[in-house]
ModelCIF file with pLDDT and N, C-alpha, C, O atoms, coordinates in Angstrom:
data_MODEL
#
_entry.id   MODEL 
#
_entity.id                         1 
_entity.type                       polymer 
_entity.pdbx_number_of_molecules   1 
#
_entity_poly.entity_id                      1 
_entity_poly.type                           'polypeptide(L)' 
_entity_poly.nstd_linkage                   no 
_entity_poly.nstd_monomer                   no 
_entity_poly.pdbx_seq_one_letter_code       KDMFVRVYDESTKSVIAEMAPGWGDVIGHGNRIFAVKWRDENTIISA 
_entity_poly.pdbx_seq_one_letter_code_can   KDMFVRVYDESTKSVIAEMAPGWGDVIGHGNRIFAVKWRDENTIISA 
_entity_poly.pdbx_strand_id                 A 
#
loop_
_entity_poly_seq.entity_id 
_entity_poly_seq.num 
_entity_poly_seq.mon_id 
_entity_poly_seq.hetero 
1 1  LYS n 
1 2  ASP n 
1 3  MET n 
1 4  PHE n 
1 5  VAL n 
1 6  ARG n 
1 7  VAL n 
1 8  TYR n 
1 9  ASP n 
1 10 GLU n 
1 11 SER n 
1 12 THR n 
1 13 LYS n 
1 14 SER n 
1 15 VAL n 
1 16 ILE n 
1 17 ALA n 
1 18 GLU n 
1 19 MET n 
1 20 ALA n 
1 21 PRO n 
1 22 GLY n 
1 23 TRP n 
1 24 GLY n 
1 25 ASP n 
1 26 VAL n 
1 27 ILE n 
1 28 GLY n 
1 29 HIS n 
1 30 GLY n 
1 31 ASN n 
1 32 ARG n 
1 33 ILE n 
1 34 PHE n 
1 35 ALA n 
1 36 VAL n 
1 37 LYS n 
1 38 TRP n 
1 39 ARG n 
1 40 ASP n 
1 41 GLU n 
1 42 ASN n 
1 43 THR n 
1 44 ILE n 
1 45 ILE n 
1 46 SER n 
1 47 ALA n 
#
_struct_asym.id          A 
_struct_asym.entity_id   1 
#
loop_
_ma_qa_metric.id 
_ma_qa_metric.mode 
_ma_qa_metric.name 
_ma_qa_metric.software_group_id 
_ma_qa_metric.type 
1 global pLDDT . pLDDT 
2 local  pLDDT . pLDDT 
#
_ma_qa_metric_global.metric_id      1 
_ma_qa_metric_global.metric_value   96.51 
_ma_qa_metric_global.model_id       1 
_ma_qa_metric_global.ordinal_id     1 
#
loop_
_ma_qa_metric_local.label_asym_id 
_ma_qa_metric_local.label_comp_id 
_ma_qa_metric_local.label_seq_id 
_ma_qa_metric_local.metric_id 
_ma_qa_metric_local.metric_value 
_ma_qa_metric_local.model_id 
_ma_qa_metric_local.ordinal_id 
A LYS 1  2 97.00 1 1  
A ASP 2  2 96.00 1 2  
A MET 3  2 97.00 1 3  
A PHE 4  2 97.00 1 4  
A VAL 5  2 98.00 1 5  
A ARG 6  2 98.00 1 6  
A VAL 7  2 98.00 1 7  
A TYR 8  2 98.00 1 8  
A ASP 9  2 97.00 1 9  
A GLU 10 2 96.00 1 10 
A SER 11 2 95.00 1 11 
A THR 12 2 96.00 1 12 
A LYS 13 2 96.00 1 13 
A SER 14 2 97.00 1 14 
A VAL 15 2 97.00 1 15 
A ILE 16 2 97.00 1 16 
A ALA 17 2 97.00 1 17 
A GLU 18 2 97.00 1 18 
A MET 19 2 97.00 1 19 
A ALA 20 2 96.00 1 20 
A PRO 21 2 97.00 1 21 
A GLY 22 2 95.00 1 22 
A TRP 23 2 91.00 1 23 
A GLY 24 2 89.00 1 24 
A ASP 25 2 89.00 1 25 
A VAL 26 2 93.00 1 26 
A ILE 27 2 96.00 1 27 
A GLY 28 2 97.00 1 28 
A HIS 29 2 98.00 1 29 
A GLY 30 2 97.00 1 30 
A ASN 31 2 98.00 1 31 
A ARG 32 2 98.00 1 32 
A ILE 33 2 98.00 1 33 
A PHE 34 2 98.00 1 34 
A ALA 35 2 98.00 1 35 
A VAL 36 2 98.00 1 36 
A LYS 37 2 98.00 1 37 
A TRP 38 2 98.00 1 38 
A ARG 39 2 97.00 1 39 
A ASP 40 2 96.00 1 40 
A GLU 41 2 94.00 1 41 
A ASN 42 2 96.00 1 42 
A THR 43 2 98.00 1 43 
A ILE 44 2 98.00 1 44 
A ILE 45 2 98.00 1 45 
A SER 46 2 98.00 1 46 
A ALA 47 2 98.00 1 47 
#
loop_
_atom_site.group_PDB 
_atom_site.id 
_atom_site.type_symbol 
_atom_site.label_atom_id 
_atom_site.label_alt_id 
_atom_site.label_comp_id 
_atom_site.label_asym_id 
_atom_site.label_entity_id 
_atom_site.label_seq_id 
_atom_site.pdbx_PDB_ins_code 
_atom_site.Cartn_x 
_atom_site.Cartn_y 
_atom_site.Cartn_z 
_atom_site.occupancy 
_atom_site.B_iso_or_equiv 
_atom_site.pdbx_formal_charge 
_atom_site.auth_seq_id 
_atom_site.auth_comp_id 
_atom_site.auth_asym_id 
_atom_site.auth_atom_id 
_atom_site.pdbx_PDB_model_num 
ATOM 1   N N  . LYS A 1 1  ? -3.047  7.297  2.295  1.00 97.00 ? 1  LYS A N  1 
ATOM 2   C CA . LYS A 1 1  ? -4.564  6.527  2.450  1.00 97.00 ? 1  LYS A CA 1 
ATOM 3   C C  . LYS A 1 1  ? -4.797  5.658  3.837  1.00 97.00 ? 1  LYS A C  1 
ATOM 4   O O  . LYS A 1 1  ? -5.795  5.824  4.538  1.00 97.00 ? 1  LYS A O  1 
ATOM 5   N N  . ASP A 1 2  ? -3.824  4.774  4.125  1.00 96.00 ? 2  ASP A N  1 
ATOM 6   C CA . ASP A 1 2  ? -3.827  4.085  5.322  1.00 96.00 ? 2  ASP A CA 1 
ATOM 7   C C  . ASP A 1 2  ? -4.026  4.768  6.815  1.00 96.00 ? 2  ASP A C  1 
ATOM 8   O O  . ASP A 1 2  ? -4.189  4.196  7.893  1.00 96.00 ? 2  ASP A O  1 
ATOM 9   N N  . MET A 1 3  ? -3.953  6.316  6.492  1.00 97.00 ? 3  MET A N  1 
ATOM 10  C CA . MET A 1 3  ? -4.399  7.524  7.831  1.00 97.00 ? 3  MET A CA 1 
ATOM 11  C C  . MET A 1 3  ? -3.156  7.423  8.536  1.00 97.00 ? 3  MET A C  1 
ATOM 12  O O  . MET A 1 3  ? -3.280  7.630  9.743  1.00 97.00 ? 3  MET A O  1 
ATOM 13  N N  . PHE A 1 4  ? -1.649  7.090  8.027  1.00 97.00 ? 4  PHE A N  1 
ATOM 14  C CA . PHE A 1 4  ? -0.510  7.338  8.623  1.00 97.00 ? 4  PHE A CA 1 
ATOM 15  C C  . PHE A 1 4  ? 0.505   8.565  8.270  1.00 97.00 ? 4  PHE A C  1 
ATOM 16  O O  . PHE A 1 4  ? 0.577   9.059  7.145  1.00 97.00 ? 4  PHE A O  1 
ATOM 17  N N  . VAL A 1 5  ? 0.976   8.822  8.953  1.00 98.00 ? 5  VAL A N  1 
ATOM 18  C CA . VAL A 1 5  ? 2.095   9.958  8.809  1.00 98.00 ? 5  VAL A CA 1 
ATOM 19  C C  . VAL A 1 5  ? 3.367   9.204  8.981  1.00 98.00 ? 5  VAL A C  1 
ATOM 20  O O  . VAL A 1 5  ? 3.399   8.460  9.962  1.00 98.00 ? 5  VAL A O  1 
ATOM 21  N N  . ARG A 1 6  ? 4.595   9.259  8.093  1.00 98.00 ? 6  ARG A N  1 
ATOM 22  C CA . ARG A 1 6  ? 5.657   8.589  8.251  1.00 98.00 ? 6  ARG A CA 1 
ATOM 23  C C  . ARG A 1 6  ? 6.703   9.132  7.563  1.00 98.00 ? 6  ARG A C  1 
ATOM 24  O O  . ARG A 1 6  ? 6.892   9.480  6.397  1.00 98.00 ? 6  ARG A O  1 
ATOM 25  N N  . VAL A 1 7  ? 7.703   9.108  9.162  1.00 98.00 ? 7  VAL A N  1 
ATOM 26  C CA . VAL A 1 7  ? 8.989   9.906  8.749  1.00 98.00 ? 7  VAL A CA 1 
ATOM 27  C C  . VAL A 1 7  ? 9.712   9.405  8.223  1.00 98.00 ? 7  VAL A C  1 
ATOM 28  O O  . VAL A 1 7  ? 9.776   8.244  8.629  1.00 98.00 ? 7  VAL A O  1 
ATOM 29  N N  . TYR A 1 8  ? 10.541  9.651  7.287  1.00 98.00 ? 8  TYR A N  1 
ATOM 30  C CA . TYR A 1 8  ? 12.216  8.656  6.724  1.00 98.00 ? 8  TYR A CA 1 
ATOM 31  C C  . TYR A 1 8  ? 13.326  9.658  7.227  1.00 98.00 ? 8  TYR A C  1 
ATOM 32  O O  . TYR A 1 8  ? 13.190  10.872 7.380  1.00 98.00 ? 8  TYR A O  1 
ATOM 33  N N  . ASP A 1 9  ? 14.500  8.865  7.462  1.00 97.00 ? 9  ASP A N  1 
ATOM 34  C CA . ASP A 1 9  ? 15.363  9.117  7.332  1.00 97.00 ? 9  ASP A CA 1 
ATOM 35  C C  . ASP A 1 9  ? 16.093  9.216  5.867  1.00 97.00 ? 9  ASP A C  1 
ATOM 36  O O  . ASP A 1 9  ? 16.357  8.182  5.254  1.00 97.00 ? 9  ASP A O  1 
ATOM 37  N N  . GLU A 1 10 ? 16.424  10.590 5.303  1.00 96.00 ? 10 GLU A N  1 
ATOM 38  C CA . GLU A 1 10 ? 16.434  10.896 3.683  1.00 96.00 ? 10 GLU A CA 1 
ATOM 39  C C  . GLU A 1 10 ? 18.220  10.096 3.630  1.00 96.00 ? 10 GLU A C  1 
ATOM 40  O O  . GLU A 1 10 ? 18.332  9.725  2.461  1.00 96.00 ? 10 GLU A O  1 
ATOM 41  N N  . SER A 1 11 ? 19.155  9.835  4.176  1.00 95.00 ? 11 SER A N  1 
ATOM 42  C CA . SER A 1 11 ? 20.098  9.007  3.976  1.00 95.00 ? 11 SER A CA 1 
ATOM 43  C C  . SER A 1 11 ? 20.162  7.467  3.917  1.00 95.00 ? 11 SER A C  1 
ATOM 44  O O  . SER A 1 11 ? 20.950  6.818  3.230  1.00 95.00 ? 11 SER A O  1 
ATOM 45  N N  . THR A 1 12 ? 19.249  7.001  4.711  1.00 96.00 ? 12 THR A N  1 
ATOM 46  C CA . THR A 1 12 ? 19.110  5.799  4.655  1.00 96.00 ? 12 THR A CA 1 
ATOM 47  C C  . THR A 1 12 ? 17.598  5.047  4.380  1.00 96.00 ? 12 THR A C  1 
ATOM 48  O O  . THR A 1 12 ? 17.342  3.854  4.538  1.00 96.00 ? 12 THR A O  1 
ATOM 49  N N  . LYS A 1 13 ? 16.718  6.085  3.936  1.00 96.00 ? 13 LYS A N  1 
ATOM 50  C CA . LYS A 1 13 ? 15.491  5.862  3.451  1.00 96.00 ? 13 LYS A CA 1 
ATOM 51  C C  . LYS A 1 13 ? 14.670  4.933  4.134  1.00 96.00 ? 13 LYS A C  1 
ATOM 52  O O  . LYS A 1 13 ? 13.884  4.231  3.498  1.00 96.00 ? 13 LYS A O  1 
ATOM 53  N N  . SER A 1 14 ? 14.791  4.844  5.601  1.00 97.00 ? 14 SER A N  1 
ATOM 54  C CA . SER A 1 14 ? 14.264  4.121  6.287  1.00 97.00 ? 14 SER A CA 1 
ATOM 55  C C  . SER A 1 14 ? 13.487  4.839  7.491  1.00 97.00 ? 14 SER A C  1 
ATOM 56  O O  . SER A 1 14 ? 13.941  5.822  8.075  1.00 97.00 ? 14 SER A O  1 
ATOM 57  N N  . VAL A 1 15 ? 12.276  4.237  7.789  1.00 97.00 ? 15 VAL A N  1 
ATOM 58  C CA . VAL A 1 15 ? 10.904  4.736  8.494  1.00 97.00 ? 15 VAL A CA 1 
ATOM 59  C C  . VAL A 1 15 ? 11.499  5.041  9.951  1.00 97.00 ? 15 VAL A C  1 
ATOM 60  O O  . VAL A 1 15 ? 11.517  4.029  10.652 1.00 97.00 ? 15 VAL A O  1 
ATOM 61  N N  . ILE A 1 16 ? 12.032  6.295  10.623 1.00 97.00 ? 16 ILE A N  1 
ATOM 62  C CA . ILE A 1 16 ? 12.168  6.336  11.828 1.00 97.00 ? 16 ILE A CA 1 
ATOM 63  C C  . ILE A 1 16 ? 10.941  6.913  12.200 1.00 97.00 ? 16 ILE A C  1 
ATOM 64  O O  . ILE A 1 16 ? 11.425  7.707  13.006 1.00 97.00 ? 16 ILE A O  1 
ATOM 65  N N  . ALA A 1 17 ? 9.364   7.211  12.263 1.00 97.00 ? 17 ALA A N  1 
ATOM 66  C CA . ALA A 1 17 ? 8.429   7.451  13.125 1.00 97.00 ? 17 ALA A CA 1 
ATOM 67  C C  . ALA A 1 17 ? 7.820   7.086  12.517 1.00 97.00 ? 17 ALA A C  1 
ATOM 68  O O  . ALA A 1 17 ? 8.083   6.886  11.332 1.00 97.00 ? 17 ALA A O  1 
ATOM 69  N N  . GLU A 1 18 ? 6.490   6.784  13.190 1.00 97.00 ? 18 GLU A N  1 
ATOM 70  C CA . GLU A 1 18 ? 5.218   6.651  12.501 1.00 97.00 ? 18 GLU A CA 1 
ATOM 71  C C  . GLU A 1 18 ? 4.143   6.959  13.104 1.00 97.00 ? 18 GLU A C  1 
ATOM 72  O O  . GLU A 1 18 ? 3.744   6.253  14.030 1.00 97.00 ? 18 GLU A O  1 
ATOM 73  N N  . MET A 1 19 ? 3.343   8.268  12.629 1.00 97.00 ? 19 MET A N  1 
ATOM 74  C CA . MET A 1 19 ? 1.990   8.776  13.748 1.00 97.00 ? 19 MET A CA 1 
ATOM 75  C C  . MET A 1 19 ? 0.701   8.047  13.223 1.00 97.00 ? 19 MET A C  1 
ATOM 76  O O  . MET A 1 19 ? 0.287   8.173  12.071 1.00 97.00 ? 19 MET A O  1 
ATOM 77  N N  . ALA A 1 20 ? 0.131   7.298  14.159 1.00 96.00 ? 20 ALA A N  1 
ATOM 78  C CA . ALA A 1 20 ? -0.783  5.978  13.579 1.00 96.00 ? 20 ALA A CA 1 
ATOM 79  C C  . ALA A 1 20 ? -2.041  6.757  13.597 1.00 96.00 ? 20 ALA A C  1 
ATOM 80  O O  . ALA A 1 20 ? -2.060  7.789  14.267 1.00 96.00 ? 20 ALA A O  1 
ATOM 81  N N  . PRO A 1 21 ? -3.267  6.331  12.836 1.00 97.00 ? 21 PRO A N  1 
ATOM 82  C CA . PRO A 1 21 ? -4.663  6.790  12.718 1.00 97.00 ? 21 PRO A CA 1 
ATOM 83  C C  . PRO A 1 21 ? -5.203  6.971  14.424 1.00 97.00 ? 21 PRO A C  1 
ATOM 84  O O  . PRO A 1 21 ? -4.845  6.267  15.369 1.00 97.00 ? 21 PRO A O  1 
ATOM 85  N N  . GLY A 1 22 ? -6.079  8.034  14.451 1.00 95.00 ? 22 GLY A N  1 
ATOM 86  C CA . GLY A 1 22 ? -6.875  8.136  15.849 1.00 95.00 ? 22 GLY A CA 1 
ATOM 87  C C  . GLY A 1 22 ? -7.873  6.605  15.926 1.00 95.00 ? 22 GLY A C  1 
ATOM 88  O O  . GLY A 1 22 ? -8.404  5.856  15.106 1.00 95.00 ? 22 GLY A O  1 
ATOM 89  N N  . TRP A 1 23 ? -7.710  6.707  17.787 1.00 91.00 ? 23 TRP A N  1 
ATOM 90  C CA . TRP A 1 23 ? -8.845  5.873  17.729 1.00 91.00 ? 23 TRP A CA 1 
ATOM 91  C C  . TRP A 1 23 ? -9.319  6.165  19.454 1.00 91.00 ? 23 TRP A C  1 
ATOM 92  O O  . TRP A 1 23 ? -8.616  6.628  20.352 1.00 91.00 ? 23 TRP A O  1 
ATOM 93  N N  . GLY A 1 24 ? -10.502 5.791  19.499 1.00 89.00 ? 24 GLY A N  1 
ATOM 94  C CA . GLY A 1 24 ? -11.029 6.288  21.014 1.00 89.00 ? 24 GLY A CA 1 
ATOM 95  C C  . GLY A 1 24 ? -10.727 7.413  21.353 1.00 89.00 ? 24 GLY A C  1 
ATOM 96  O O  . GLY A 1 24 ? -11.178 8.320  20.654 1.00 89.00 ? 24 GLY A O  1 
ATOM 97  N N  . ASP A 1 25 ? -9.884  7.766  22.509 1.00 89.00 ? 25 ASP A N  1 
ATOM 98  C CA . ASP A 1 25 ? -9.493  9.234  22.890 1.00 89.00 ? 25 ASP A CA 1 
ATOM 99  C C  . ASP A 1 25 ? -8.159  9.694  22.162 1.00 89.00 ? 25 ASP A C  1 
ATOM 100 O O  . ASP A 1 25 ? -7.790  10.863 22.270 1.00 89.00 ? 25 ASP A O  1 
ATOM 101 N N  . VAL A 1 26 ? -7.559  8.923  21.544 1.00 93.00 ? 26 VAL A N  1 
ATOM 102 C CA . VAL A 1 26 ? -5.963  8.975  21.057 1.00 93.00 ? 26 VAL A CA 1 
ATOM 103 C C  . VAL A 1 26 ? -6.677  9.840  19.463 1.00 93.00 ? 26 VAL A C  1 
ATOM 104 O O  . VAL A 1 26 ? -7.464  9.488  18.585 1.00 93.00 ? 26 VAL A O  1 
ATOM 105 N N  . ILE A 1 27 ? -5.824  11.181 19.770 1.00 96.00 ? 27 ILE A N  1 
ATOM 106 C CA . ILE A 1 27 ? -5.923  11.959 18.185 1.00 96.00 ? 27 ILE A CA 1 
ATOM 107 C C  . ILE A 1 27 ? -5.208  11.528 17.412 1.00 96.00 ? 27 ILE A C  1 
ATOM 108 O O  . ILE A 1 27 ? -4.172  10.993 17.807 1.00 96.00 ? 27 ILE A O  1 
ATOM 109 N N  . GLY A 1 28 ? -5.522  11.610 15.952 1.00 97.00 ? 28 GLY A N  1 
ATOM 110 C CA . GLY A 1 28 ? -5.079  10.924 15.046 1.00 97.00 ? 28 GLY A CA 1 
ATOM 111 C C  . GLY A 1 28 ? -6.575  11.077 13.941 1.00 97.00 ? 28 GLY A C  1 
ATOM 112 O O  . GLY A 1 28 ? -7.757  11.294 14.208 1.00 97.00 ? 28 GLY A O  1 
ATOM 113 N N  . HIS A 1 29 ? -5.700  10.799 12.375 1.00 98.00 ? 29 HIS A N  1 
ATOM 114 C CA . HIS A 1 29 ? -6.369  10.683 11.512 1.00 98.00 ? 29 HIS A CA 1 
ATOM 115 C C  . HIS A 1 29 ? -7.328  9.732  11.176 1.00 98.00 ? 29 HIS A C  1 
ATOM 116 O O  . HIS A 1 29 ? -6.962  8.570  11.357 1.00 98.00 ? 29 HIS A O  1 
ATOM 117 N N  . GLY A 1 30 ? -8.703  9.929  10.640 1.00 97.00 ? 30 GLY A N  1 
ATOM 118 C CA . GLY A 1 30 ? -9.397  9.399  10.578 1.00 97.00 ? 30 GLY A CA 1 
ATOM 119 C C  . GLY A 1 30 ? -9.955  8.948  9.003  1.00 97.00 ? 30 GLY A C  1 
ATOM 120 O O  . GLY A 1 30 ? -11.019 8.363  8.801  1.00 97.00 ? 30 GLY A O  1 
ATOM 121 N N  . ASN A 1 31 ? -9.159  9.286  8.148  1.00 98.00 ? 31 ASN A N  1 
ATOM 122 C CA . ASN A 1 31 ? -9.561  9.414  6.867  1.00 98.00 ? 31 ASN A CA 1 
ATOM 123 C C  . ASN A 1 31 ? -7.879  9.475  6.169  1.00 98.00 ? 31 ASN A C  1 
ATOM 124 O O  . ASN A 1 31 ? -6.776  9.422  6.714  1.00 98.00 ? 31 ASN A O  1 
ATOM 125 N N  . ARG A 1 32 ? -8.339  9.622  4.594  1.00 98.00 ? 32 ARG A N  1 
ATOM 126 C CA . ARG A 1 32 ? -6.924  9.973  3.816  1.00 98.00 ? 32 ARG A CA 1 
ATOM 127 C C  . ARG A 1 32 ? -6.126  11.151 4.240  1.00 98.00 ? 32 ARG A C  1 
ATOM 128 O O  . ARG A 1 32 ? -6.670  11.988 4.961  1.00 98.00 ? 32 ARG A O  1 
ATOM 129 N N  . ILE A 1 33 ? -4.938  11.297 3.882  1.00 98.00 ? 33 ILE A N  1 
ATOM 130 C CA . ILE A 1 33 ? -4.044  12.550 4.312  1.00 98.00 ? 33 ILE A CA 1 
ATOM 131 C C  . ILE A 1 33 ? -3.475  13.164 3.054  1.00 98.00 ? 33 ILE A C  1 
ATOM 132 O O  . ILE A 1 33 ? -2.513  12.628 2.504  1.00 98.00 ? 33 ILE A O  1 
ATOM 133 N N  . PHE A 1 34 ? -3.907  14.028 2.679  1.00 98.00 ? 34 PHE A N  1 
ATOM 134 C CA . PHE A 1 34 ? -3.499  14.736 1.587  1.00 98.00 ? 34 PHE A CA 1 
ATOM 135 C C  . PHE A 1 34 ? -2.520  16.271 1.822  1.00 98.00 ? 34 PHE A C  1 
ATOM 136 O O  . PHE A 1 34 ? -2.332  17.144 0.975  1.00 98.00 ? 34 PHE A O  1 
ATOM 137 N N  . ALA A 1 35 ? -2.156  16.245 2.832  1.00 98.00 ? 35 ALA A N  1 
ATOM 138 C CA . ALA A 1 35 ? -1.056  17.669 2.931  1.00 98.00 ? 35 ALA A CA 1 
ATOM 139 C C  . ALA A 1 35 ? -0.382  17.292 4.336  1.00 98.00 ? 35 ALA A C  1 
ATOM 140 O O  . ALA A 1 35 ? -0.880  17.040 5.433  1.00 98.00 ? 35 ALA A O  1 
ATOM 141 N N  . VAL A 1 36 ? 1.008   17.354 3.859  1.00 98.00 ? 36 VAL A N  1 
ATOM 142 C CA . VAL A 1 36 ? 2.021   17.452 5.429  1.00 98.00 ? 36 VAL A CA 1 
ATOM 143 C C  . VAL A 1 36 ? 2.821   18.295 5.143  1.00 98.00 ? 36 VAL A C  1 
ATOM 144 O O  . VAL A 1 36 ? 3.241   18.502 4.005  1.00 98.00 ? 36 VAL A O  1 
ATOM 145 N N  . LYS A 1 37 ? 3.255   19.122 6.531  1.00 98.00 ? 37 LYS A N  1 
ATOM 146 C CA . LYS A 1 37 ? 4.145   20.229 6.432  1.00 98.00 ? 37 LYS A CA 1 
ATOM 147 C C  . LYS A 1 37 ? 4.914   19.990 7.427  1.00 98.00 ? 37 LYS A C  1 
ATOM 148 O O  . LYS A 1 37 ? 4.416   19.384 8.375  1.00 98.00 ? 37 LYS A O  1 
ATOM 149 N N  . TRP A 1 38 ? 6.222   20.364 7.486  1.00 98.00 ? 38 TRP A N  1 
ATOM 150 C CA . TRP A 1 38 ? 7.388   20.640 8.787  1.00 98.00 ? 38 TRP A CA 1 
ATOM 151 C C  . TRP A 1 38 ? 7.398   21.987 9.066  1.00 98.00 ? 38 TRP A C  1 
ATOM 152 O O  . TRP A 1 38 ? 7.885   22.866 8.355  1.00 98.00 ? 38 TRP A O  1 
ATOM 153 N N  . ARG A 1 39 ? 6.797   22.132 10.220 1.00 97.00 ? 39 ARG A N  1 
ATOM 154 C CA . ARG A 1 39 ? 6.835   23.011 11.137 1.00 97.00 ? 39 ARG A CA 1 
ATOM 155 C C  . ARG A 1 39 ? 8.205   23.367 11.526 1.00 97.00 ? 39 ARG A C  1 
ATOM 156 O O  . ARG A 1 39 ? 8.574   24.515 11.281 1.00 97.00 ? 39 ARG A O  1 
ATOM 157 N N  . ASP A 1 40 ? 9.009   22.554 12.094 1.00 96.00 ? 40 ASP A N  1 
ATOM 158 C CA . ASP A 1 40 ? 10.100  22.845 12.607 1.00 96.00 ? 40 ASP A CA 1 
ATOM 159 C C  . ASP A 1 40 ? 10.739  21.331 12.857 1.00 96.00 ? 40 ASP A C  1 
ATOM 160 O O  . ASP A 1 40 ? 9.992   20.353 12.896 1.00 96.00 ? 40 ASP A O  1 
ATOM 161 N N  . GLU A 1 41 ? 12.120  21.216 13.016 1.00 94.00 ? 41 GLU A N  1 
ATOM 162 C CA . GLU A 1 41 ? 12.596  19.779 13.210 1.00 94.00 ? 41 GLU A CA 1 
ATOM 163 C C  . GLU A 1 41 ? 11.773  18.714 14.276 1.00 94.00 ? 41 GLU A C  1 
ATOM 164 O O  . GLU A 1 41 ? 12.033  17.526 14.084 1.00 94.00 ? 41 GLU A O  1 
ATOM 165 N N  . ASN A 1 42 ? 10.858  19.007 15.320 1.00 96.00 ? 42 ASN A N  1 
ATOM 166 C CA . ASN A 1 42 ? 10.214  18.583 15.806 1.00 96.00 ? 42 ASN A CA 1 
ATOM 167 C C  . ASN A 1 42 ? 8.882   18.588 15.834 1.00 96.00 ? 42 ASN A C  1 
ATOM 168 O O  . ASN A 1 42 ? 8.331   17.982 16.754 1.00 96.00 ? 42 ASN A O  1 
ATOM 169 N N  . THR A 1 43 ? 8.227   19.150 15.013 1.00 98.00 ? 43 THR A N  1 
ATOM 170 C CA . THR A 1 43 ? 6.575   19.398 14.755 1.00 98.00 ? 43 THR A CA 1 
ATOM 171 C C  . THR A 1 43 ? 6.590   19.578 13.140 1.00 98.00 ? 43 THR A C  1 
ATOM 172 O O  . THR A 1 43 ? 7.161   20.388 12.410 1.00 98.00 ? 43 THR A O  1 
ATOM 173 N N  . ILE A 1 44 ? 5.690   18.437 12.882 1.00 98.00 ? 44 ILE A N  1 
ATOM 174 C CA . ILE A 1 44 ? 4.569   18.169 11.600 1.00 98.00 ? 44 ILE A CA 1 
ATOM 175 C C  . ILE A 1 44 ? 3.236   18.565 12.011 1.00 98.00 ? 44 ILE A C  1 
ATOM 176 O O  . ILE A 1 44 ? 2.772   18.534 13.151 1.00 98.00 ? 44 ILE A O  1 
ATOM 177 N N  . ILE A 1 45 ? 2.478   19.082 10.541 1.00 98.00 ? 45 ILE A N  1 
ATOM 178 C CA . ILE A 1 45 ? 1.410   18.994 10.525 1.00 98.00 ? 45 ILE A CA 1 
ATOM 179 C C  . ILE A 1 45 ? 0.652   18.491 9.666  1.00 98.00 ? 45 ILE A C  1 
ATOM 180 O O  . ILE A 1 45 ? 1.061   18.838 8.559  1.00 98.00 ? 45 ILE A O  1 
ATOM 181 N N  . SER A 1 46 ? -0.400  17.739 9.574  1.00 98.00 ? 46 SER A N  1 
ATOM 182 C CA . SER A 1 46 ? -0.835  17.000 8.572  1.00 98.00 ? 46 SER A CA 1 
ATOM 183 C C  . SER A 1 46 ? -2.348  17.421 8.449  1.00 98.00 ? 46 SER A C  1 
ATOM 184 O O  . SER A 1 46 ? -2.885  18.073 9.345  1.00 98.00 ? 46 SER A O  1 
ATOM 185 N N  . ALA A 1 47 ? -3.004  17.038 7.337  1.00 98.00 ? 47 ALA A N  1 
ATOM 186 C CA . ALA A 1 47 ? -4.424  17.114 7.002  1.00 98.00 ? 47 ALA A CA 1 
ATOM 187 C C  . ALA A 1 47 ? -5.001  16.720 6.001  1.00 98.00 ? 47 ALA A C  1 
ATOM 188 O O  . ALA A 1 47 ? -6.218  16.871 5.889  1.00 98.00 ? 47 ALA A O  1 
#
């Protein structure tokens, strides 16, 4: 709901990456995120 995509390490259950909401010219979400998919080990798609 807070517009963040968070990536966790499965073994430690700790956050290893946070993709923040958008602001200004920075691309990011501006509302709740209802879908997230891994495309490959380096790419996540959210909407």
